[in-house]
């Protein structure tokens, strides 16, 4: 057997210091608290697996349903009344709110005369009354057909037989570019309004309208039968006559203001 080499003084001193440090550490742990051995420490394998929180599907389903309902409501409102929005109030409920001015497209460069906000309201109000009295023609095809059937000489004293209202936010502009000249040739006053959506809504149609013609005489649907005519029928005729006369004055005044 090989004899062990004797330790040097430095090695003996190092071992002695190491033992003293270990003893002092054990003594300090006993005084501070309970000493835990490695066996007492729980291993990672013994640790219980953390429970994964289960999500409740009901709130998610309700949220998806709310989004679908809101989208459907917005689409319906935009068709019925362009510019309408849906917002949430303080309680979280949906509230329908109409914008003061719907979004407008680019106006055609020949939109002269163009009704301002005040005149535009009067014109659209007259369009609504014309739709109720069945004196309204909608669309380029119907308006052009009615203009070509009318006489080319404008009456000097009496009211014109019709008034044309044109939307100025039409694209392409070639769709309505011939209407002002055609109106002037037949002595029919005309005016532009900024929004085709508002013009369509005033004419009792869900779709935007590029042009409407308001006739002086009531249509067949607006007149009553001979046996039913009376004071009420006469008053309605007089009321529509006043509305039409006021509309002609407003449109002609706007046209005179822009002409040089």
C-alpha atoms as a PDB file:
ATOM      1  CA  UNK A   1       0.000   0.000   0.000  1.00  0.00           C
ATOM      2  CA  UNK A   2       1.186   3.496  -0.750  1.00  0.00           C
ATOM      3  CA  UNK A   3       1.607   5.803   2.214  1.00  0.00           C
ATOM      4  CA  UNK A   4      -0.446   8.988   2.312  1.00  0.00           C
ATOM      5  CA  UNK A   5       1.518  12.158   1.961  1.00  0.00           C
ATOM      6  CA  UNK A   6       1.615  14.275   5.114  1.00  0.00           C
ATOM      7  CA  UNK A   7      -0.407  17.489   4.945  1.00  0.00           C
ATOM      8  CA  UNK A   8       1.396  20.753   4.900  1.00  0.00           C
ATOM      9  CA  UNK A   9       0.808  23.392   7.544  1.00  0.00           C
ATOM     10  CA  UNK A  10      -1.159  25.513   5.037  1.00  0.00           C
ATOM     11  CA  UNK A  11      -3.512  22.645   4.172  1.00  0.00           C
ATOM     12  CA  UNK A  12      -4.101  21.804   7.815  1.00  0.00           C
ATOM     13  CA  UNK A  13      -4.875  25.446   8.584  1.00  0.00           C
ATOM     14  CA  UNK A  14      -7.312  25.617   5.604  1.00  0.00           C
ATOM     15  CA  UNK A  15      -9.206  22.512   6.730  1.00  0.00           C
ATOM     16  CA  UNK A  16      -9.444  23.855  10.252  1.00  0.00           C
ATOM     17  CA  UNK A  17     -10.891  27.181   9.059  1.00  0.00           C
ATOM     18  CA  UNK A  18     -13.396  25.338   6.851  1.00  0.00           C
ATOM     19  CA  UNK A  19     -14.643  23.231   9.781  1.00  0.00           C
ATOM     20  CA  UNK A  20     -14.972  26.306  11.986  1.00  0.00           C
ATOM     21  CA  UNK A  21     -17.013  28.166   9.371  1.00  0.00           C
ATOM     22  CA  UNK A  22     -19.337  25.196   8.912  1.00  0.00           C
ATOM     23  CA  UNK A  23     -19.848  24.840  12.663  1.00  0.00           C
ATOM     24  CA  UNK A  24     -20.556  28.562  13.040  1.00  0.00           C
ATOM     25  CA  UNK A  25     -23.101  28.430  10.198  1.00  0.00           C
ATOM     26  CA  UNK A  26     -24.968  25.487  11.702  1.00  0.00           C
ATOM     27  CA  UNK A  27     -25.005  27.179  15.111  1.00  0.00           C
ATOM     28  CA  UNK A  28     -26.390  30.396  13.633  1.00  0.00           C
ATOM     29  CA  UNK A  29     -29.187  28.540  11.753  1.00  0.00           C
ATOM     30  CA  UNK A  30     -30.226  26.736  14.927  1.00  0.00           C
ATOM     31  CA  UNK A  31     -30.501  29.986  16.873  1.00  0.00           C
ATOM     32  CA  UNK A  32     -32.402  31.844  14.121  1.00  0.00           C
ATOM     33  CA  UNK A  33     -34.947  29.139  13.327  1.00  0.00           C
ATOM     34  CA  UNK A  34     -35.613  25.538  12.514  1.00  0.00           C
ATOM     35  CA  UNK A  35     -32.953  23.973  10.406  1.00  0.00           C
ATOM     36  CA  UNK A  36     -34.262  22.235   7.323  1.00  0.00           C
ATOM     37  CA  UNK A  37     -32.402  19.396   5.795  1.00  0.00           C
ATOM     38  CA  UNK A  38     -32.389  18.694   2.101  1.00  0.00           C
ATOM     39  CA  UNK A  39     -34.770  15.792   2.661  1.00  0.00           C
ATOM     40  CA  UNK A  40     -37.352  18.119   4.186  1.00  0.00           C
ATOM     41  CA  UNK A  41     -37.364  20.434   1.134  1.00  0.00           C
ATOM     42  CA  UNK A  42     -40.193  19.628  -1.293  1.00  0.00           C
ATOM     43  CA  UNK A  43     -38.988  18.586  -4.684  1.00  0.00           C
ATOM     44  CA  UNK A  44     -40.331  20.023  -7.930  1.00  0.00           C
ATOM     45  CA  UNK A  45     -42.032  16.736  -8.683  1.00  0.00           C
ATOM     46  CA  UNK A  46     -43.986  16.896  -5.419  1.00  0.00           C
ATOM     47  CA  UNK A  47     -45.305  20.412  -6.123  1.00  0.00           C
ATOM     48  CA  UNK A  48     -49.012  20.430  -6.993  1.00  0.00           C
ATOM     49  CA  UNK A  49     -49.765  21.488 -10.557  1.00  0.00           C
ATOM     50  CA  UNK A  50     -51.256  24.971 -10.787  1.00  0.00           C
ATOM     51  CA  UNK A  51     -54.890  24.908 -11.724  1.00  0.00           C
ATOM     52  CA  UNK A  52     -55.638  26.542 -15.063  1.00  0.00           C
ATOM     53  CA  UNK A  53     -58.584  28.907 -14.609  1.00  0.00           C
ATOM     54  CA  UNK A  54     -61.528  27.862 -16.698  1.00  0.00           C
ATOM     55  CA  UNK A  55     -63.121  30.640 -18.766  1.00  0.00           C
ATOM     56  CA  UNK A  56     -66.841  31.194 -18.729  1.00  0.00           C
ATOM     57  CA  UNK A  57     -68.144  30.973 -22.305  1.00  0.00           C
ATOM     58  CA  UNK A  58     -71.312  32.962 -21.578  1.00  0.00           C
ATOM     59  CA  UNK A  59     -69.743  36.487 -21.506  1.00  0.00           C
ATOM     60  CA  UNK A  60     -67.822  35.751 -24.734  1.00  0.00           C
ATOM     61  CA  UNK A  61     -70.963  34.536 -26.479  1.00  0.00           C
ATOM     62  CA  UNK A  62     -72.889  37.612 -25.311  1.00  0.00           C
ATOM     63  CA  UNK A  63     -70.124  39.912 -26.567  1.00  0.00           C
ATOM     64  CA  UNK A  64     -70.103  38.267 -30.001  1.00  0.00           C
ATOM     65  CA  UNK A  65     -73.888  38.520 -30.172  1.00  0.00           C
ATOM     66  CA  UNK A  66     -73.766  42.230 -29.226  1.00  0.00           C
ATOM     67  CA  UNK A  67     -71.213  42.925 -31.973  1.00  0.00           C
ATOM     68  CA  UNK A  68     -73.345  41.145 -34.585  1.00  0.00           C
ATOM     69  CA  UNK A  69     -76.494  42.999 -33.506  1.00  0.00           C
ATOM     70  CA  UNK A  70     -74.675  46.343 -33.527  1.00  0.00           C
ATOM     71  CA  UNK A  71     -73.270  45.720 -37.013  1.00  0.00           C
ATOM     72  CA  UNK A  72     -76.699  44.768 -38.339  1.00  0.00           C
ATOM     73  CA  UNK A  73     -78.252  47.847 -36.718  1.00  0.00           C
ATOM     74  CA  UNK A  74     -75.623  50.154 -38.205  1.00  0.00           C
ATOM     75  CA  UNK A  75     -76.132  48.743 -41.703  1.00  0.00           C
ATOM     76  CA  UNK A  76     -79.896  49.148 -41.420  1.00  0.00           C
ATOM     77  CA  UNK A  77     -79.628  52.720 -40.142  1.00  0.00           C
ATOM     78  CA  UNK A  78     -77.151  53.696 -42.852  1.00  0.00           C
ATOM     79  CA  UNK A  79     -79.613  52.479 -45.501  1.00  0.00           C
ATOM     80  CA  UNK A  80     -82.573  54.195 -43.854  1.00  0.00           C
ATOM     81  CA  UNK A  81     -80.835  57.438 -42.943  1.00  0.00           C
ATOM     82  CA  UNK A  82     -77.233  57.973 -44.066  1.00  0.00           C
ATOM     83  CA  UNK A  83     -75.039  59.564 -41.431  1.00  0.00           C
ATOM     84  CA  UNK A  84     -76.767  57.845 -38.487  1.00  0.00           C
ATOM     85  CA  UNK A  85     -74.496  56.357 -35.831  1.00  0.00           C
ATOM     86  CA  UNK A  86     -74.909  54.183 -32.731  1.00  0.00           C
ATOM     87  CA  UNK A  87     -73.085  55.129 -29.521  1.00  0.00           C
ATOM     88  CA  UNK A  88     -72.993  53.762 -25.965  1.00  0.00           C
ATOM     89  CA  UNK A  89     -74.306  55.903 -23.137  1.00  0.00           C
ATOM     90  CA  UNK A  90     -73.049  55.957 -19.513  1.00  0.00           C
ATOM     91  CA  UNK A  91     -75.079  52.875 -18.563  1.00  0.00           C
ATOM     92  CA  UNK A  92     -73.657  50.853 -21.456  1.00  0.00           C
ATOM     93  CA  UNK A  93     -76.878  50.817 -23.480  1.00  0.00           C
ATOM     94  CA  UNK A  94     -76.851  51.537 -27.210  1.00  0.00           C
ATOM     95  CA  UNK A  95     -78.180  54.926 -28.268  1.00  0.00           C
ATOM     96  CA  UNK A  96     -79.079  55.972 -31.815  1.00  0.00           C
ATOM     97  CA  UNK A  97     -77.830  59.401 -32.783  1.00  0.00           C
ATOM     98  CA  UNK A  98     -78.083  61.113 -36.164  1.00  0.00           C
ATOM     99  CA  UNK A  99     -75.262  63.298 -37.356  1.00  0.00           C
ATOM    100  CA  UNK A 100     -76.169  66.879 -38.099  1.00  0.00           C
ATOM    101  CA  UNK A 101     -74.566  66.687 -41.525  1.00  0.00           C
ATOM    102  CA  UNK A 102     -74.075  63.409 -43.390  1.00  0.00           C
ATOM    103  CA  UNK A 103     -70.796  62.791 -45.122  1.00  0.00           C
ATOM    104  CA  UNK A 104     -70.790  64.352 -48.594  1.00  0.00           C
ATOM    105  CA  UNK A 105     -68.868  63.384 -51.671  1.00  0.00           C
ATOM    106  CA  UNK A 106     -67.083  65.770 -54.009  1.00  0.00           C
ATOM    107  CA  UNK A 107     -69.456  68.243 -55.662  1.00  0.00           C
ATOM    108  CA  UNK A 108     -69.541  68.603 -59.421  1.00  0.00           C
ATOM    109  CA  UNK A 109     -67.871  71.812 -60.707  1.00  0.00           C
ATOM    110  CA  UNK A 110     -70.993  72.967 -62.566  1.00  0.00           C
ATOM    111  CA  UNK A 111     -73.250  72.864 -59.468  1.00  0.00           C
ATOM    112  CA  UNK A 112     -74.637  76.373 -60.035  1.00  0.00           C
ATOM    113  CA  UNK A 113     -76.870  77.548 -58.477  1.00  0.00           C
ATOM    114  CA  UNK A 114     -76.137  75.584 -55.307  1.00  0.00           C
ATOM    115  CA  UNK A 115     -78.566  75.861 -52.406  1.00  0.00           C
ATOM    116  CA  UNK A 116     -77.071  76.786 -49.048  1.00  0.00           C
ATOM    117  CA  UNK A 117     -78.177  75.172 -45.780  1.00  0.00           C
ATOM    118  CA  UNK A 118     -81.201  77.432 -45.267  1.00  0.00           C
ATOM    119  CA  UNK A 119     -82.461  77.208 -48.855  1.00  0.00           C
ATOM    120  CA  UNK A 120     -81.666  73.480 -48.960  1.00  0.00           C
ATOM    121  CA  UNK A 121     -83.994  72.793 -46.030  1.00  0.00           C
ATOM    122  CA  UNK A 122     -86.850  74.636 -47.753  1.00  0.00           C
ATOM    123  CA  UNK A 123     -86.259  72.782 -51.015  1.00  0.00           C
ATOM    124  CA  UNK A 124     -86.126  69.343 -49.350  1.00  0.00           C
ATOM    125  CA  UNK A 125     -89.259  70.164 -47.373  1.00  0.00           C
ATOM    126  CA  UNK A 126     -91.043  70.956 -50.635  1.00  0.00           C
ATOM    127  CA  UNK A 127     -89.775  67.663 -52.097  1.00  0.00           C
ATOM    128  CA  UNK A 128     -91.356  65.780 -49.163  1.00  0.00           C
ATOM    129  CA  UNK A 129     -94.707  67.517 -49.740  1.00  0.00           C
ATOM    130  CA  UNK A 130     -94.477  66.840 -53.469  1.00  0.00           C
ATOM    131  CA  UNK A 131     -93.961  63.127 -52.769  1.00  0.00           C
ATOM    132  CA  UNK A 132     -97.106  63.093 -50.594  1.00  0.00           C
ATOM    133  CA  UNK A 133     -99.106  64.875 -53.295  1.00  0.00           C
ATOM    134  CA  UNK A 134     -97.866  62.527 -56.047  1.00  0.00           C
ATOM    135  CA  UNK A 135     -96.290  65.328 -58.094  1.00  0.00           C
ATOM    136  CA  UNK A 136     -92.737  63.977 -57.989  1.00  0.00           C
ATOM    137  CA  UNK A 137     -90.670  62.318 -60.718  1.00  0.00           C
ATOM    138  CA  UNK A 138     -87.429  60.607 -59.674  1.00  0.00           C
ATOM    139  CA  UNK A 139     -84.307  59.713 -61.595  1.00  0.00           C
ATOM    140  CA  UNK A 140     -82.557  60.982 -64.712  1.00  0.00           C
ATOM    141  CA  UNK A 141     -84.610  58.858 -67.109  1.00  0.00           C
ATOM    142  CA  UNK A 142     -88.016  60.057 -65.890  1.00  0.00           C
ATOM    143  CA  UNK A 143     -86.946  63.695 -65.578  1.00  0.00           C
ATOM    144  CA  UNK A 144     -85.393  63.840 -69.064  1.00  0.00           C
ATOM    145  CA  UNK A 145     -88.492  62.202 -70.549  1.00  0.00           C
ATOM    146  CA  UNK A 146     -90.778  64.745 -68.847  1.00  0.00           C
ATOM    147  CA  UNK A 147     -88.591  67.688 -69.928  1.00  0.00           C
ATOM    148  CA  UNK A 148     -88.574  66.636 -73.573  1.00  0.00           C
ATOM    149  CA  UNK A 149     -92.358  66.317 -73.568  1.00  0.00           C
ATOM    150  CA  UNK A 150     -92.771  69.841 -72.190  1.00  0.00           C
ATOM    151  CA  UNK A 151     -92.868  72.984 -74.357  1.00  0.00           C
ATOM    152  CA  UNK A 152     -89.640  74.855 -75.067  1.00  0.00           C
ATOM    153  CA  UNK A 153     -91.183  78.305 -74.471  1.00  0.00           C
ATOM    154  CA  UNK A 154     -91.258  79.475 -70.867  1.00  0.00           C
ATOM    155  CA  UNK A 155     -94.476  81.128 -69.653  1.00  0.00           C
ATOM    156  CA  UNK A 156     -94.130  84.858 -69.087  1.00  0.00           C
ATOM    157  CA  UNK A 157     -96.564  85.473 -66.228  1.00  0.00           C
ATOM    158  CA  UNK A 158     -97.810  82.139 -64.878  1.00  0.00           C
ATOM    159  CA  UNK A 159     -95.751  79.687 -62.842  1.00  0.00           C
ATOM    160  CA  UNK A 160     -93.534  77.164 -64.674  1.00  0.00           C
ATOM    161  CA  UNK A 161     -95.021  73.697 -65.023  1.00  0.00           C
ATOM    162  CA  UNK A 162     -92.208  72.089 -62.995  1.00  0.00           C
ATOM    163  CA  UNK A 163     -89.047  72.619 -60.942  1.00  0.00           C
ATOM    164  CA  UNK A 164     -85.971  70.375 -61.084  1.00  0.00           C
ATOM    165  CA  UNK A 165     -83.797  69.566 -58.044  1.00  0.00           C
ATOM    166  CA  UNK A 166     -80.370  68.067 -58.856  1.00  0.00           C
ATOM    167  CA  UNK A 167     -77.902  66.435 -56.436  1.00  0.00           C
ATOM    168  CA  UNK A 168     -74.400  67.897 -56.716  1.00  0.00           C
ATOM    169  CA  UNK A 169     -72.430  64.919 -55.311  1.00  0.00           C
ATOM    170  CA  UNK A 170     -72.879  62.636 -58.320  1.00  0.00           C
ATOM    171  CA  UNK A 171     -70.059  60.583 -59.808  1.00  0.00           C
ATOM    172  CA  UNK A 172     -69.457  60.321 -62.705  1.00  0.00           C
ATOM    173  CA  UNK A 173     -70.639  63.842 -63.412  1.00  0.00           C
ATOM    174  CA  UNK A 174     -71.639  62.980 -66.992  1.00  0.00           C
ATOM    175  CA  UNK A 175     -74.810  61.411 -65.589  1.00  0.00           C
ATOM    176  CA  UNK A 176     -76.280  64.855 -64.823  1.00  0.00           C
ATOM    177  CA  UNK A 177     -74.117  67.224 -66.882  1.00  0.00           C
ATOM    178  CA  UNK A 178     -76.806  67.632 -69.603  1.00  0.00           C
ATOM    179  CA  UNK A 179     -79.666  68.429 -67.194  1.00  0.00           C
ATOM    180  CA  UNK A 180     -78.983  72.178 -66.589  1.00  0.00           C
ATOM    181  CA  UNK A 181     -78.899  72.912 -70.340  1.00  0.00           C
ATOM    182  CA  UNK A 182     -82.048  70.870 -70.910  1.00  0.00           C
ATOM    183  CA  UNK A 183     -83.844  72.747 -68.115  1.00  0.00           C
ATOM    184  CA  UNK A 184     -82.827  76.123 -69.551  1.00  0.00           C
ATOM    185  CA  UNK A 185     -83.989  75.131 -73.045  1.00  0.00           C
ATOM    186  CA  UNK A 186     -87.453  74.282 -71.690  1.00  0.00           C
ATOM    187  CA  UNK A 187     -87.712  77.238 -69.301  1.00  0.00           C
ATOM    188  CA  UNK A 188     -87.690  75.076 -66.165  1.00  0.00           C
ATOM    189  CA  UNK A 189     -86.019  76.529 -63.046  1.00  0.00           C
ATOM    190  CA  UNK A 190     -83.512  74.244 -61.341  1.00  0.00           C
ATOM    191  CA  UNK A 191     -81.267  74.207 -58.296  1.00  0.00           C
ATOM    192  CA  UNK A 192     -78.519  71.931 -56.921  1.00  0.00           C
ATOM    193  CA  UNK A 193     -78.508  70.441 -53.411  1.00  0.00           C
ATOM    194  CA  UNK A 194     -75.324  69.053 -51.799  1.00  0.00           C
ATOM    195  CA  UNK A 195     -76.482  65.529 -50.921  1.00  0.00           C
ATOM    196  CA  UNK A 196     -78.072  62.829 -53.104  1.00  0.00           C
ATOM    197  CA  UNK A 197     -78.821  60.838 -49.933  1.00  0.00           C
ATOM    198  CA  UNK A 198     -80.868  63.675 -48.444  1.00  0.00           C
ATOM    199  CA  UNK A 199     -82.635  64.185 -51.766  1.00  0.00           C
ATOM    200  CA  UNK A 200     -83.566  60.504 -51.885  1.00  0.00           C
ATOM    201  CA  UNK A 201     -84.803  60.538 -48.287  1.00  0.00           C
ATOM    202  CA  UNK A 202     -86.932  63.624 -48.957  1.00  0.00           C
ATOM    203  CA  UNK A 203     -88.426  61.906 -52.005  1.00  0.00           C
ATOM    204  CA  UNK A 204     -89.652  58.978 -49.852  1.00  0.00           C
ATOM    205  CA  UNK A 205     -87.147  56.476 -51.223  1.00  0.00           C
ATOM    206  CA  UNK A 206     -84.459  54.538 -49.382  1.00  0.00           C
ATOM    207  CA  UNK A 207     -81.960  54.890 -52.213  1.00  0.00           C
ATOM    208  CA  UNK A 208     -79.974  58.057 -53.017  1.00  0.00           C
ATOM    209  CA  UNK A 209     -81.488  60.047 -55.888  1.00  0.00           C
ATOM    210  CA  UNK A 210     -79.585  62.079 -58.459  1.00  0.00           C
ATOM    211  CA  UNK A 211     -82.467  64.293 -59.621  1.00  0.00           C
ATOM    212  CA  UNK A 212     -86.168  64.886 -59.016  1.00  0.00           C
ATOM    213  CA  UNK A 213     -88.790  66.962 -60.807  1.00  0.00           C
ATOM    214  CA  UNK A 214     -91.627  68.626 -58.902  1.00  0.00           C
ATOM    215  CA  UNK A 215     -94.726  69.187 -60.995  1.00  0.00           C
ATOM    216  CA  UNK A 216     -97.190  72.019 -60.593  1.00  0.00           C
ATOM    217  CA  UNK A 217    -100.264  69.835 -61.024  1.00  0.00           C
ATOM    218  CA  UNK A 218    -101.113  66.983 -58.678  1.00  0.00           C
ATOM    219  CA  UNK A 219    -100.782  63.436 -59.936  1.00  0.00           C
ATOM    220  CA  UNK A 220    -103.615  60.962 -60.228  1.00  0.00           C
ATOM    221  CA  UNK A 221    -102.870  59.436 -56.848  1.00  0.00           C
ATOM    222  CA  UNK A 222    -102.991  62.835 -55.198  1.00  0.00           C
ATOM    223  CA  UNK A 223    -106.480  63.732 -56.406  1.00  0.00           C
ATOM    224  CA  UNK A 224    -109.700  62.515 -54.845  1.00  0.00           C
ATOM    225  CA  UNK A 225    -112.702  61.084 -56.638  1.00  0.00           C
ATOM    226  CA  UNK A 226    -115.408  63.464 -57.787  1.00  0.00           C
ATOM    227  CA  UNK A 227    -117.863  62.238 -55.152  1.00  0.00           C
ATOM    228  CA  UNK A 228    -115.336  62.728 -52.358  1.00  0.00           C
ATOM    229  CA  UNK A 229    -114.273  66.242 -53.303  1.00  0.00           C
ATOM    230  CA  UNK A 230    -115.303  68.991 -50.941  1.00  0.00           C
ATOM    231  CA  UNK A 231    -113.832  71.612 -48.662  1.00  0.00           C
ATOM    232  CA  UNK A 232    -110.981  69.332 -47.651  1.00  0.00           C
ATOM    233  CA  UNK A 233    -110.035  68.622 -51.262  1.00  0.00           C
ATOM    234  CA  UNK A 234    -110.075  72.313 -52.166  1.00  0.00           C
ATOM    235  CA  UNK A 235    -107.965  73.244 -49.150  1.00  0.00           C
ATOM    236  CA  UNK A 236    -105.356  70.630 -50.097  1.00  0.00           C
ATOM    237  CA  UNK A 237    -105.223  72.010 -53.634  1.00  0.00           C
ATOM    238  CA  UNK A 238    -104.751  75.532 -52.298  1.00  0.00           C
ATOM    239  CA  UNK A 239    -102.067  74.398 -49.825  1.00  0.00           C
ATOM    240  CA  UNK A 240    -100.074  72.637 -52.537  1.00  0.00           C
ATOM    241  CA  UNK A 241    -100.431  75.658 -54.811  1.00  0.00           C
ATOM    242  CA  UNK A 242     -98.915  77.880 -52.123  1.00  0.00           C
ATOM    243  CA  UNK A 243     -96.074  75.424 -51.453  1.00  0.00           C
ATOM    244  CA  UNK A 244     -95.251  75.204 -55.158  1.00  0.00           C
ATOM    245  CA  UNK A 245     -95.379  78.981 -55.618  1.00  0.00           C
ATOM    246  CA  UNK A 246     -93.005  79.489 -52.665  1.00  0.00           C
ATOM    247  CA  UNK A 247     -90.612  76.856 -54.062  1.00  0.00           C
ATOM    248  CA  UNK A 248     -90.525  78.569 -57.467  1.00  0.00           C
ATOM    249  CA  UNK A 249     -89.742  81.912 -55.824  1.00  0.00           C
ATOM    250  CA  UNK A 250     -86.909  80.434 -53.763  1.00  0.00           C
ATOM    251  CA  UNK A 251     -85.330  78.603 -56.710  1.00  0.00           C
ATOM    252  CA  UNK A 252     -85.604  81.576 -59.043  1.00  0.00           C
ATOM    253  CA  UNK A 253     -84.119  83.885 -56.401  1.00  0.00           C
ATOM    254  CA  UNK A 254     -81.104  81.600 -55.962  1.00  0.00           C
ATOM    255  CA  UNK A 255     -80.658  81.456 -59.731  1.00  0.00           C
ATOM    256  CA  UNK A 256     -80.748  85.262 -60.062  1.00  0.00           C
ATOM    257  CA  UNK A 257     -78.145  85.717 -57.347  1.00  0.00           C
ATOM    258  CA  UNK A 258     -75.488  83.690 -59.183  1.00  0.00           C
ATOM    259  CA  UNK A 259     -76.061  84.987 -62.683  1.00  0.00           C
ATOM    260  CA  UNK A 260     -73.952  87.913 -63.933  1.00  0.00           C
END
